[in-house]
């Protein structure tokens, strides 16, 4: 394992984040804080409890997941697309670095940024709404697992994308709608029975449900099923990345 190569990629990506703190960290935290102000403090104070939890507290895990998913994909996709766009990807491909080391460097940096962002949002939420974390270790585990999984997805999108516009297609047209429809702001038990069954085909439901369970001990989907679904999606992403490096898809040509 070439640890020097991993450190070089990781440090470069993290340095890019700290050069753009307003865009990478401050903007997502501020936008999420506005959700807490509007939905948590203003609307939540006038709504009843959801699954025995105040509405303002209930949406905390969903909003953190919303930020984690979008930022993980954005950071990882931009990180690998930029070398493709500038042509420096060929220096990386010709270096004595395996695809595993490249993947650990880029995905590790993107996941680190997302975890940092999630913890900052968690701390910010305390200012606006009260909440407790019943299972802190599970909370951290779901946070890290989600960040790594969707950073892997972002890496795949960055390899696939042929332009900066295409980088935004999946997050805007697919990921964000699935997150909003995945129970970020409501419990799927509030839906009619038919829509409850349809919603279970949304993979984001399992992420939000498992993460919410770590806070309140209650969820729409069993925590074992949520963990299994997330690990299965991670395995799928790993398989896709292995095929990409083995075939050189959109990298060597």
Protein backbone atom coordinates (compact mmCIF):
# COMPACT_ATOMS: atom_id res chain seq x y z
CA UNK A 1 0.00 0.00 0.00
CA UNK A 2 1.49 3.32 -1.16
CA UNK A 3 0.59 5.48 1.83
CA UNK A 4 2.51 8.46 0.46
CA UNK A 5 0.27 8.58 -2.60
CA UNK A 6 -2.86 8.34 -0.45
CA UNK A 7 -1.62 11.15 1.80
CA UNK A 8 -0.76 13.34 -1.19
CA UNK A 9 -4.23 12.99 -2.75
CA UNK A 10 -5.96 13.35 0.61
CA UNK A 11 -4.01 16.47 1.60
CA UNK A 12 -4.55 18.09 -1.77
CA UNK A 13 -8.31 17.59 -1.58
CA UNK A 14 -8.52 18.75 2.03
CA UNK A 15 -6.41 21.82 1.22
CA UNK A 16 -8.89 22.71 -1.53
CA UNK A 17 -11.66 22.59 1.03
CA UNK A 18 -9.90 24.92 3.46
CA UNK A 19 -9.17 27.35 0.61
CA UNK A 20 -12.92 27.59 -0.07
CA UNK A 21 -14.37 27.47 3.44
CA UNK A 22 -17.27 29.78 2.60
CA UNK A 23 -18.42 27.57 -0.25
CA UNK A 24 -17.54 24.16 1.20
CA UNK A 25 -18.53 24.54 4.84
CA UNK A 26 -20.17 27.86 5.70
CA UNK A 27 -22.77 27.86 2.90
CA UNK A 28 -24.21 24.36 3.62
CA UNK A 29 -24.31 25.03 7.37
CA UNK A 30 -26.05 28.38 6.84
CA UNK A 31 -28.63 26.98 4.43
CA UNK A 32 -29.41 24.10 6.81
CA UNK A 33 -29.69 26.56 9.71
CA UNK A 34 -32.41 28.35 7.75
CA UNK A 35 -34.34 25.06 7.56
CA UNK A 36 -34.11 24.80 11.34
CA UNK A 37 -35.35 28.38 11.74
CA UNK A 38 -38.32 27.94 9.39
CA UNK A 39 -39.34 24.31 9.94
CA UNK A 40 -37.98 23.76 13.42
CA UNK A 41 -38.49 26.94 15.42
CA UNK A 42 -41.34 28.59 13.47
CA UNK A 43 -43.50 25.79 12.03
CA UNK A 44 -42.42 23.07 14.45
CA UNK A 45 -43.65 25.05 17.44
CA UNK A 46 -47.17 24.94 15.99
CA UNK A 47 -47.19 21.25 15.04
CA UNK A 48 -47.78 18.17 17.14
CA UNK A 49 -45.31 15.42 17.81
CA UNK A 50 -44.25 12.90 15.15
CA UNK A 51 -43.60 9.39 16.49
CA UNK A 52 -43.52 10.88 19.98
CA UNK A 53 -40.86 13.45 19.06
CA UNK A 54 -41.31 17.20 18.64
CA UNK A 55 -41.32 18.17 14.96
CA UNK A 56 -38.33 20.47 15.29
CA UNK A 57 -36.25 17.66 16.74
CA UNK A 58 -37.72 15.08 14.36
CA UNK A 59 -36.32 16.80 11.25
CA UNK A 60 -32.75 17.10 12.61
CA UNK A 61 -31.57 13.68 11.29
CA UNK A 62 -33.29 14.24 7.94
CA UNK A 63 -31.67 17.62 7.41
CA UNK A 64 -28.25 16.27 8.34
CA UNK A 65 -28.72 13.41 5.87
CA UNK A 66 -29.84 15.86 3.17
CA UNK A 67 -26.60 17.81 3.56
CA UNK A 68 -24.41 14.71 3.86
CA UNK A 69 -25.78 13.11 0.69
CA UNK A 70 -25.51 16.19 -1.50
CA UNK A 71 -22.11 17.32 -0.21
CA UNK A 72 -20.55 13.85 -0.38
CA UNK A 73 -21.57 13.47 -4.01
CA UNK A 74 -20.54 17.02 -4.90
CA UNK A 75 -17.11 16.87 -3.24
CA UNK A 76 -16.12 13.48 -4.64
CA UNK A 77 -17.45 14.11 -8.15
CA UNK A 78 -15.71 17.48 -8.46
CA UNK A 79 -12.50 16.08 -6.98
CA UNK A 80 -12.04 13.44 -9.69
CA UNK A 81 -13.62 15.44 -12.53
CA UNK A 82 -11.23 18.38 -12.18
CA UNK A 83 -8.11 16.31 -13.08
CA UNK A 84 -10.02 14.88 -16.05
CA UNK A 85 -11.00 18.35 -17.21
CA UNK A 86 -7.48 19.80 -16.79
CA UNK A 87 -5.70 16.74 -18.23
CA UNK A 88 -3.68 16.00 -15.08
CA UNK A 89 -5.51 12.68 -14.68
CA UNK A 90 -2.92 11.11 -17.02
CA UNK A 91 -0.13 11.93 -14.57
CA UNK A 92 -2.09 10.11 -11.90
CA UNK A 93 -2.80 7.12 -14.13
CA UNK A 94 0.86 6.81 -15.15
CA UNK A 95 2.14 7.05 -11.58
CA UNK A 96 2.91 3.87 -9.58
CA UNK A 97 -0.38 4.18 -7.73
CA UNK A 98 -3.10 1.52 -7.66
CA UNK A 99 -6.76 2.31 -8.15
CA UNK A 100 -7.38 1.33 -4.52
CA UNK A 101 -4.99 4.05 -3.34
CA UNK A 102 -6.54 6.62 -5.69
CA UNK A 103 -9.98 5.68 -4.43
CA UNK A 104 -8.99 5.88 -0.76
CA UNK A 105 -7.44 9.32 -1.29
CA UNK A 106 -10.36 10.93 -3.11
CA UNK A 107 -13.21 9.19 -1.33
CA UNK A 108 -11.51 9.52 2.06
CA UNK A 109 -11.15 13.27 1.64
CA UNK A 110 -14.73 13.73 0.43
CA UNK A 111 -16.09 11.59 3.28
CA UNK A 112 -14.02 13.53 5.83
CA UNK A 113 -15.47 16.83 4.60
CA UNK A 114 -19.00 15.43 4.82
CA UNK A 115 -18.52 14.09 8.34
CA UNK A 116 -17.12 17.45 9.44
CA UNK A 117 -20.11 19.18 7.89
CA UNK A 118 -22.56 16.77 9.52
CA UNK A 119 -21.06 17.36 12.97
CA UNK A 120 -21.15 21.12 12.46
CA UNK A 121 -24.83 20.97 11.46
CA UNK A 122 -25.51 18.76 14.48
CA UNK A 123 -23.97 21.38 16.74
CA UNK A 124 -25.82 24.20 14.95
CA UNK A 125 -29.16 22.41 15.38
CA UNK A 126 -28.74 22.56 19.16
CA UNK A 127 -29.07 26.35 18.95
CA UNK A 128 -32.56 26.13 17.41
CA UNK A 129 -34.18 22.89 18.63
CA UNK A 130 -33.66 20.51 21.57
CA UNK A 131 -32.74 16.91 20.82
CA UNK A 132 -31.00 13.90 22.30
CA UNK A 133 -28.88 11.18 20.73
CA UNK A 134 -29.83 7.86 22.33
CA UNK A 135 -27.25 5.81 20.41
CA UNK A 136 -24.22 8.06 19.73
CA UNK A 137 -22.01 5.24 18.43
CA UNK A 138 -24.67 4.17 15.95
CA UNK A 139 -25.13 7.80 14.97
CA UNK A 140 -21.43 8.19 14.16
CA UNK A 141 -21.41 4.83 12.36
CA UNK A 142 -24.35 5.80 10.13
CA UNK A 143 -22.79 9.21 9.52
CA UNK A 144 -19.47 7.74 8.38
CA UNK A 145 -21.06 4.91 6.41
CA UNK A 146 -23.36 7.29 4.53
CA UNK A 147 -20.53 9.74 3.83
CA UNK A 148 -18.28 6.98 2.44
CA UNK A 149 -21.06 5.38 0.39
CA UNK A 150 -22.19 8.57 -1.32
CA UNK A 151 -18.63 9.82 -1.76
CA UNK A 152 -18.11 6.60 -3.69
CA UNK A 153 -21.22 7.40 -5.76
CA UNK A 154 -19.88 10.91 -6.35
CA UNK A 155 -16.58 9.46 -7.55
CA UNK A 156 -18.49 7.37 -10.12
CA UNK A 157 -20.47 10.41 -11.25
CA UNK A 158 -17.26 12.44 -11.60
CA UNK A 159 -15.74 9.77 -13.84
CA UNK A 160 -18.93 9.51 -15.91
CA UNK A 161 -19.54 13.25 -16.32
CA UNK A 162 -18.39 14.87 -19.55
CA UNK A 163 -19.03 18.47 -18.46
CA UNK A 164 -19.59 20.58 -15.39
CA UNK A 165 -23.32 20.59 -16.21
CA UNK A 166 -23.47 16.80 -16.07
CA UNK A 167 -21.97 16.88 -12.57
CA UNK A 168 -25.22 18.50 -11.41
CA UNK A 169 -27.65 16.18 -13.19
CA UNK A 170 -27.73 13.30 -10.69
CA UNK A 171 -27.67 15.44 -7.50
CA UNK A 172 -30.36 17.85 -8.70
CA UNK A 173 -32.62 15.57 -10.73
CA UNK A 174 -32.37 12.34 -8.74
CA UNK A 175 -30.67 12.60 -5.35
CA UNK A 176 -32.39 15.71 -3.96
CA UNK A 177 -35.93 14.58 -4.91
CA UNK A 178 -35.29 11.12 -3.43
CA UNK A 179 -34.10 12.73 -0.20
CA UNK A 180 -37.15 14.99 0.11
CA UNK A 181 -39.41 12.01 -0.65
CA UNK A 182 -37.45 9.73 1.69
CA UNK A 183 -38.86 11.03 4.96
CA UNK A 184 -36.50 13.89 5.69
CA UNK A 185 -39.43 16.09 6.82
CA UNK A 186 -42.04 13.48 7.71
CA UNK A 187 -42.58 9.89 8.78
CA UNK A 188 -43.64 7.55 6.00
CA UNK A 189 -46.24 6.16 8.42
CA UNK A 190 -48.15 9.40 7.75
CA UNK A 191 -48.64 8.36 4.11
CA UNK A 192 -51.51 6.24 2.75
CA UNK A 193 -50.76 2.48 2.79
CA UNK A 194 -50.12 2.31 -0.97
CA UNK A 195 -47.59 5.14 -0.88
CA UNK A 196 -45.91 3.63 2.14
CA UNK A 197 -45.16 0.50 0.12
CA UNK A 198 -43.99 2.55 -2.88
CA UNK A 199 -41.73 4.67 -0.68
CA UNK A 200 -39.88 1.57 0.51
CA UNK A 201 -38.34 1.33 -2.97
CA UNK A 202 -36.58 4.63 -2.28
CA UNK A 203 -33.08 3.73 -0.96
CA UNK A 204 -32.75 7.06 0.85
CA UNK A 205 -35.60 6.01 3.18
CA UNK A 206 -33.33 3.41 4.76
CA UNK A 207 -30.51 5.91 5.31
CA UNK A 208 -32.71 8.51 6.98
CA UNK A 209 -34.64 5.91 8.97
CA UNK A 210 -31.50 4.28 10.37
CA UNK A 211 -29.94 7.62 11.21
CA UNK A 212 -33.15 8.81 12.91
CA UNK A 213 -33.26 5.61 14.96
CA UNK A 214 -29.83 6.45 16.40
CA UNK A 215 -31.32 9.70 17.71
CA UNK A 216 -34.73 8.69 19.03
CA UNK A 217 -34.79 4.89 19.11
CA UNK A 218 -37.74 4.80 16.70
CA UNK A 219 -37.74 4.57 12.90
CA UNK A 220 -39.93 3.74 9.91
CA UNK A 221 -37.67 0.84 8.90
CA UNK A 222 -35.89 -1.71 11.08
CA UNK A 223 -32.33 -0.58 11.82
CA UNK A 224 -30.91 -3.91 10.62
CA UNK A 225 -32.65 -3.47 7.27
CA UNK A 226 -31.36 0.11 7.05
CA UNK A 227 -27.79 -0.99 7.74
CA UNK A 228 -28.03 -3.87 5.27
CA UNK A 229 -29.43 -1.65 2.52
CA UNK A 230 -26.64 0.89 3.00
CA UNK A 231 -23.92 -1.78 2.96
CA UNK A 232 -25.45 -3.33 -0.16
CA UNK A 233 -25.38 0.04 -1.94
CA UNK A 234 -21.78 0.55 -0.84
CA UNK A 235 -20.84 -2.86 -2.25
CA UNK A 236 -22.55 -1.94 -5.53
CA UNK A 237 -20.55 1.29 -5.75
CA UNK A 238 -17.29 -0.53 -5.01
CA UNK A 239 -18.05 -3.01 -7.79
CA UNK A 240 -18.78 -0.18 -10.23
CA UNK A 241 -15.50 1.57 -9.36
CA UNK A 242 -13.58 -1.69 -9.84
CA UNK A 243 -15.06 -2.04 -13.33
CA UNK A 244 -14.20 1.60 -14.13
CA UNK A 245 -10.52 1.16 -13.29
CA UNK A 246 -10.28 -2.26 -14.88
CA UNK A 247 -11.70 -1.06 -18.20
CA UNK A 248 -10.39 2.54 -18.05
CA UNK A 249 -13.91 3.84 -18.68
CA UNK A 250 -13.68 7.56 -19.49
CA UNK A 251 -10.22 7.71 -17.93
CA UNK A 252 -7.77 6.38 -20.50
CA UNK A 253 -9.61 7.81 -23.50
